[in-house]
Amino acid sequence: MPDKTMLILKIKPRELGEIDKAMAAVKGIKSGQVMDVKKEPIGFGIEVIKAGILVDSKDEGAVDAVTNEINGLAEIEESEIEGMTLL
């Protein structure tokens, strides 16, 4: 059984002009291993953050821990899981 899960999250920053600050906050989370963080345009000059975060598949609460930590950041409006895959 694979022991790691890659989460792909779409993250909306609280302030559109502060996306770099929000990206830095996401990179600093402790509940998962941040593998990739990038800006993704969604239209009309608005960007969201896409993040790839690696968690332990054996830890049943790992996915919730990551989403709760990210949603708890002051710079983040909300996040949603777009996908996940076992590694």
C-alpha atoms as a PDB file:
ATOM      1  CA  MET A   1       0.000   0.000   0.000  1.00  0.00           C
ATOM      2  CA  PRO A   2       1.337   3.456  -0.861  1.00  0.00           C
ATOM      3  CA  ASP A   3       2.445   5.425   2.155  1.00  0.00           C
ATOM      4  CA  LYS A   4       2.133   8.980   0.770  1.00  0.00           C
ATOM      5  CA  THR A   5      -0.748  10.972  -0.686  1.00  0.00           C
ATOM      6  CA  MET A   6      -0.322  14.063  -2.855  1.00  0.00           C
ATOM      7  CA  LEU A   7      -3.044  16.641  -2.305  1.00  0.00           C
ATOM      8  CA  ILE A   8      -3.740  19.305  -4.929  1.00  0.00           C
ATOM      9  CA  LEU A   9      -5.412  22.339  -3.371  1.00  0.00           C
ATOM     10  CA  LYS A  10      -6.924  25.474  -4.867  1.00  0.00           C
ATOM     11  CA  ILE A  11      -6.449  28.289  -2.374  1.00  0.00           C
ATOM     12  CA  LYS A  12      -8.055  31.737  -2.467  1.00  0.00           C
ATOM     13  CA  PRO A  13      -6.078  34.531  -0.792  1.00  0.00           C
ATOM     14  CA  ARG A  14      -7.980  36.920   1.484  1.00  0.00           C
ATOM     15  CA  GLU A  15      -6.589  39.973  -0.347  1.00  0.00           C
ATOM     16  CA  LEU A  16      -6.083  39.726  -4.118  1.00  0.00           C
ATOM     17  CA  GLY A  17      -3.102  42.099  -4.017  1.00  0.00           C
ATOM     18  CA  GLU A  18      -1.385  40.018  -1.317  1.00  0.00           C
ATOM     19  CA  ILE A  19      -1.072  36.722  -3.209  1.00  0.00           C
ATOM     20  CA  ASP A  20       2.720  36.529  -2.679  1.00  0.00           C
ATOM     21  CA  LYS A  21       2.256  36.917   1.074  1.00  0.00           C
ATOM     22  CA  ALA A  22      -0.427  34.202   1.023  1.00  0.00           C
ATOM     23  CA  MET A  23       1.880  31.888  -0.968  1.00  0.00           C
ATOM     24  CA  ALA A  24       4.633  32.373   1.625  1.00  0.00           C
ATOM     25  CA  ALA A  25       2.180  31.506   4.409  1.00  0.00           C
ATOM     26  CA  VAL A  26       1.127  28.297   2.614  1.00  0.00           C
ATOM     27  CA  LYS A  27       4.783  27.279   2.163  1.00  0.00           C
ATOM     28  CA  GLY A  28       5.233  27.512   5.936  1.00  0.00           C
ATOM     29  CA  ILE A  29       2.598  24.972   6.987  1.00  0.00           C
ATOM     30  CA  LYS A  30       3.697  22.141   9.280  1.00  0.00           C
ATOM     31  CA  SER A  31       0.949  19.530   8.767  1.00  0.00           C
ATOM     32  CA  GLY A  32       2.204  18.407   5.349  1.00  0.00           C
ATOM     33  CA  GLN A  33       5.244  18.610   3.086  1.00  0.00           C
ATOM     34  CA  VAL A  34       4.697  21.433   0.591  1.00  0.00           C
ATOM     35  CA  MET A  35       6.036  20.260  -2.773  1.00  0.00           C
ATOM     36  CA  ASP A  36       4.837  23.015  -5.118  1.00  0.00           C
ATOM     37  CA  VAL A  37       3.073  26.361  -4.804  1.00  0.00           C
ATOM     38  CA  LYS A  38       2.193  28.508  -7.818  1.00  0.00           C
ATOM     39  CA  LYS A  39      -0.195  31.203  -9.011  1.00  0.00           C
ATOM     40  CA  GLU A  40      -2.931  30.254 -11.443  1.00  0.00           C
ATOM     41  CA  PRO A  41      -4.997  32.857 -13.303  1.00  0.00           C
ATOM     42  CA  ILE A  42      -8.750  32.260 -13.261  1.00  0.00           C
ATOM     43  CA  GLY A  43      -9.840  35.306 -15.292  1.00  0.00           C
ATOM     44  CA  PHE A  44     -10.167  39.082 -15.255  1.00  0.00           C
ATOM     45  CA  GLY A  45      -6.761  39.462 -13.588  1.00  0.00           C
ATOM     46  CA  ILE A  46      -7.751  37.297 -10.620  1.00  0.00           C
ATOM     47  CA  GLU A  47      -5.329  34.613  -9.477  1.00  0.00           C
ATOM     48  CA  VAL A  48      -5.602  31.729  -7.041  1.00  0.00           C
ATOM     49  CA  ILE A  49      -2.885  29.591  -5.500  1.00  0.00           C
ATOM     50  CA  LYS A  50      -2.399  25.963  -6.501  1.00  0.00           C
ATOM     51  CA  ALA A  51      -0.451  23.873  -4.003  1.00  0.00           C
ATOM     52  CA  GLY A  52       0.787  20.296  -4.044  1.00  0.00           C
ATOM     53  CA  ILE A  53       1.157  18.960  -0.522  1.00  0.00           C
ATOM     54  CA  LEU A  54       2.435  15.526   0.458  1.00  0.00           C
ATOM     55  CA  VAL A  55       0.898  13.797   3.505  1.00  0.00           C
ATOM     56  CA  ASP A  56       1.219  10.394   5.155  1.00  0.00           C
ATOM     57  CA  SER A  57      -1.466   8.030   3.799  1.00  0.00           C
ATOM     58  CA  LYS A  58      -1.519   6.029   7.034  1.00  0.00           C
ATOM     59  CA  ASP A  59      -2.535   9.086   9.082  1.00  0.00           C
ATOM     60  CA  GLU A  60      -6.339   9.221   8.791  1.00  0.00           C
ATOM     61  CA  GLY A  61      -6.507  12.852   9.920  1.00  0.00           C
ATOM     62  CA  ALA A  62      -3.704  14.160   7.688  1.00  0.00           C
ATOM     63  CA  VAL A  63      -5.945  15.599   4.962  1.00  0.00           C
ATOM     64  CA  ASP A  64      -8.152  17.405   7.478  1.00  0.00           C
ATOM     65  CA  ALA A  65      -5.079  18.683   9.326  1.00  0.00           C
ATOM     66  CA  VAL A  66      -3.690  20.255   6.142  1.00  0.00           C
ATOM     67  CA  THR A  67      -6.962  21.881   5.092  1.00  0.00           C
ATOM     68  CA  ASN A  68      -7.676  23.131   8.613  1.00  0.00           C
ATOM     69  CA  GLU A  69      -4.191  24.621   8.933  1.00  0.00           C
ATOM     70  CA  ILE A  70      -4.395  26.357   5.547  1.00  0.00           C
ATOM     71  CA  ASN A  71      -7.919  27.678   6.182  1.00  0.00           C
ATOM     72  CA  GLY A  72      -6.732  28.950   9.565  1.00  0.00           C
ATOM     73  CA  LEU A  73      -4.036  31.168   8.035  1.00  0.00           C
ATOM     74  CA  ALA A  74      -4.810  34.885   8.273  1.00  0.00           C
ATOM     75  CA  GLU A  75      -3.821  35.410   4.612  1.00  0.00           C
ATOM     76  CA  ILE A  76      -6.203  32.742   3.273  1.00  0.00           C
ATOM     77  CA  GLU A  77      -9.907  33.146   2.496  1.00  0.00           C
ATOM     78  CA  GLU A  78     -10.603  29.458   1.790  1.00  0.00           C
ATOM     79  CA  SER A  79      -9.176  26.339   0.207  1.00  0.00           C
ATOM     80  CA  GLU A  80     -10.570  23.272  -1.492  1.00  0.00           C
ATOM     81  CA  ILE A  81      -9.081  19.964  -2.516  1.00  0.00           C
ATOM     82  CA  GLU A  82      -9.055  19.625  -6.303  1.00  0.00           C
ATOM     83  CA  GLY A  83      -7.488  16.194  -6.352  1.00  0.00           C
ATOM     84  CA  MET A  84      -5.425  13.620  -4.578  1.00  0.00           C
ATOM     85  CA  THR A  85      -3.347  10.674  -5.627  1.00  0.00           C
ATOM     86  CA  LEU A  86      -1.482   7.904  -3.855  1.00  0.00           C
ATOM     87  CA  LEU A  87       2.282   7.767  -4.326  1.00  0.00           C
END
